[in-house]
Amino acid sequence: MFTSVLMIEKALTSADVEFVTTLHGDESVAFHVLLQPRGDQADRLLRAIDDVALGELDEAVRERETPEGQAAKPFGERALEVSLQALRVTGSEADGRLIEDHPLDALRAMVEETGADEVIVLTDPHYVEEFFHRDWASRARHKVGVPVLKLFSHSKE
């Protein structure tokens, strides 16, 4: 069985699930999902710049409404459960946990704990961080010792 650590920041869409579960053809895959709610990952200004770069001006204006810190935890727990259920429906094994601090340390620990074959980072585009190679995937490539695949999530169903 192929083992993937899947790092996400929001609930997987059906398109995301189809994408990650078909990456390895007919081979069985076990997913170990790490979710850090978007509110904890980057500051409001960087998220607003990303929204503007994507042409989503309405989203940039609403960044203030994004839950952060402890307020984001219930949303994160629900997003994780929805994502795990969606992966299991496809026949994949799936477990996961929320990340509250230090996402790359949690990622490295999960890779070591599970003996993962790869890491998949599936997030919205974060142009500022990606430009400076400060996004999760760029930084993980130097820390985890397995291949890291960067994919962009599908925002809408």
Protein backbone atom coordinates (compact mmCIF):
# COMPACT_ATOMS: atom_id res chain seq x y z
CA MET A 1 0.00 0.00 0.00
CA PHE A 2 1.22 3.48 -0.91
CA THR A 3 1.28 5.96 2.00
CA SER A 4 0.69 9.69 1.48
CA VAL A 5 0.70 12.51 3.98
CA LEU A 6 -1.82 15.06 2.72
CA MET A 7 -1.42 18.59 4.06
CA ILE A 8 -4.47 20.83 3.62
CA GLU A 9 -5.91 24.09 4.95
CA LYS A 10 -9.63 23.56 4.30
CA ALA A 11 -12.10 20.80 3.49
CA LEU A 12 -11.39 18.84 0.34
CA THR A 13 -13.82 19.34 -2.54
CA SER A 14 -15.05 16.36 -4.55
CA ALA A 15 -12.63 17.39 -7.33
CA ASP A 16 -9.73 17.44 -4.83
CA VAL A 17 -10.66 13.96 -3.58
CA GLU A 18 -10.88 12.57 -7.10
CA PHE A 19 -7.54 14.14 -7.99
CA VAL A 20 -5.55 12.80 -5.03
CA THR A 21 -7.16 9.36 -5.02
CA THR A 22 -6.36 8.77 -8.70
CA LEU A 23 -2.74 9.94 -8.67
CA HIS A 24 -1.44 6.39 -8.30
CA GLY A 25 -3.83 4.58 -10.62
CA ASP A 26 -5.22 1.37 -9.14
CA GLU A 27 -2.70 1.18 -6.27
CA SER A 28 -4.25 1.33 -2.79
CA VAL A 29 -3.40 4.51 -0.90
CA ALA A 30 -3.49 5.31 2.80
CA PHE A 31 -3.85 9.02 3.52
CA HIS A 32 -2.68 10.67 6.72
CA VAL A 33 -4.22 14.13 6.61
CA LEU A 34 -2.86 17.18 8.41
CA LEU A 35 -5.11 20.23 8.39
CA GLN A 36 -4.13 23.67 9.58
CA PRO A 37 -7.05 26.06 9.23
CA ARG A 38 -6.33 28.90 6.84
CA GLY A 39 -6.70 31.49 9.59
CA ASP A 40 -3.64 30.09 11.35
CA GLN A 41 -1.37 29.82 8.34
CA ALA A 42 -0.70 33.34 7.18
CA ASP A 43 -1.48 36.83 8.24
CA ARG A 44 -4.46 38.71 6.91
CA LEU A 45 -2.44 40.98 4.59
CA LEU A 46 -0.82 38.07 2.72
CA ARG A 47 -4.20 36.38 2.29
CA ALA A 48 -5.69 39.63 0.95
CA ILE A 49 -2.81 40.04 -1.54
CA ASP A 50 -3.40 36.47 -2.75
CA ASP A 51 -7.11 37.21 -3.17
CA VAL A 52 -6.35 40.33 -5.21
CA ALA A 53 -3.85 38.41 -7.36
CA LEU A 54 -6.56 35.85 -8.08
CA GLY A 55 -9.02 38.61 -9.00
CA GLU A 56 -11.21 37.81 -5.99
CA LEU A 57 -11.65 41.34 -4.68
CA ASP A 58 -14.74 40.42 -2.66
CA GLU A 59 -12.70 37.78 -0.82
CA ALA A 60 -9.94 40.30 -0.07
CA VAL A 61 -12.47 42.60 1.59
CA ARG A 62 -13.82 39.70 3.70
CA GLU A 63 -10.43 38.52 5.01
CA ARG A 64 -11.19 40.22 8.32
CA GLU A 65 -14.07 37.74 8.77
CA THR A 66 -11.82 34.65 8.49
CA PRO A 67 -11.69 32.95 11.89
CA GLU A 68 -8.22 32.79 13.41
CA GLY A 69 -6.60 31.05 16.36
CA GLN A 70 -8.98 29.21 18.67
CA ALA A 71 -12.00 30.54 16.74
CA ALA A 72 -10.80 28.58 13.69
CA LYS A 73 -10.56 25.25 15.54
CA PRO A 74 -14.25 24.14 15.23
CA PHE A 75 -14.20 24.97 11.51
CA GLY A 76 -10.95 23.04 11.12
CA GLU A 77 -12.30 20.00 12.98
CA ARG A 78 -15.37 19.90 10.73
CA ALA A 79 -13.26 20.37 7.57
CA LEU A 80 -10.99 17.53 8.64
CA GLU A 81 -13.89 15.16 9.32
CA VAL A 82 -15.56 15.99 5.98
CA SER A 83 -12.25 15.41 4.17
CA LEU A 84 -11.57 12.08 5.89
CA GLN A 85 -15.07 10.81 5.12
CA ALA A 86 -14.74 11.83 1.47
CA LEU A 87 -11.43 9.96 1.15
CA ARG A 88 -12.86 6.85 2.84
CA VAL A 89 -15.86 6.79 0.49
CA THR A 90 -13.42 6.19 -2.38
CA GLY A 91 -12.07 3.10 -0.61
CA SER A 92 -8.90 4.78 0.62
CA GLU A 93 -7.72 4.49 4.19
CA ALA A 94 -7.70 7.90 5.88
CA ASP A 95 -6.92 9.33 9.28
CA GLY A 96 -5.82 12.78 10.32
CA ARG A 97 -5.37 15.52 12.84
CA LEU A 98 -5.46 19.28 13.18
CA ILE A 99 -2.22 21.21 13.34
CA GLU A 100 -2.25 24.11 15.74
CA ASP A 101 1.41 25.19 15.66
CA HIS A 102 4.53 24.59 13.59
CA PRO A 103 3.04 22.88 10.53
CA LEU A 104 6.38 21.72 9.10
CA ASP A 105 7.41 20.09 12.36
CA ALA A 106 4.06 18.27 12.43
CA LEU A 107 4.54 17.26 8.81
CA ARG A 108 8.02 15.86 9.40
CA ALA A 109 6.80 13.96 12.48
CA MET A 110 3.87 12.47 10.52
CA VAL A 111 6.17 11.36 7.68
CA GLU A 112 8.48 9.64 10.16
CA GLU A 113 5.62 8.14 12.19
CA THR A 114 3.85 6.64 9.16
CA GLY A 115 6.82 5.80 6.95
CA ALA A 116 5.16 7.88 4.22
CA ASP A 117 6.17 7.47 0.58
CA GLU A 118 5.26 11.05 -0.33
CA VAL A 119 3.80 14.33 0.86
CA ILE A 120 1.01 16.09 -1.03
CA VAL A 121 0.49 19.75 -0.17
CA LEU A 122 -2.96 20.75 -1.42
CA THR A 123 -3.77 24.42 -0.77
CA ASP A 124 -5.13 27.52 -2.40
CA PRO A 125 -2.45 29.49 -4.27
CA HIS A 126 -0.34 31.66 -1.96
CA TYR A 127 1.52 33.77 -4.48
CA VAL A 128 3.57 35.91 -2.11
CA GLU A 129 4.79 32.92 -0.11
CA GLU A 130 5.41 30.84 -3.24
CA PHE A 131 7.38 33.63 -4.89
CA PHE A 132 9.74 33.72 -1.91
CA HIS A 133 9.67 29.91 -1.51
CA ARG A 134 8.13 30.25 1.95
CA ASP A 135 5.05 28.13 1.18
CA TRP A 136 4.60 24.73 2.83
CA ALA A 137 5.67 22.69 -0.19
CA SER A 138 8.88 24.63 -0.84
CA ARG A 139 9.93 24.47 2.79
CA ALA A 140 8.89 20.82 3.22
CA ARG A 141 11.14 19.68 0.38
CA HIS A 142 14.13 20.42 2.61
CA LYS A 143 12.71 18.79 5.74
CA VAL A 144 10.82 15.56 5.11
CA GLY A 145 13.11 13.28 3.09
CA VAL A 146 10.39 12.08 0.69
CA PRO A 147 9.02 13.57 -2.54
CA VAL A 148 6.72 16.57 -2.05
CA LEU A 149 3.99 17.28 -4.58
CA LYS A 150 2.39 20.76 -4.62
CA LEU A 151 -1.19 20.86 -5.89
CA PHE A 152 -3.73 23.68 -5.95
CA SER A 153 -7.09 22.92 -4.43
CA HIS A 154 -10.34 23.37 -6.28
CA SER A 155 -12.08 26.23 -4.52
CA LYS A 156 -15.56 25.50 -5.80
CA GLU A 157 -17.41 22.20 -6.17
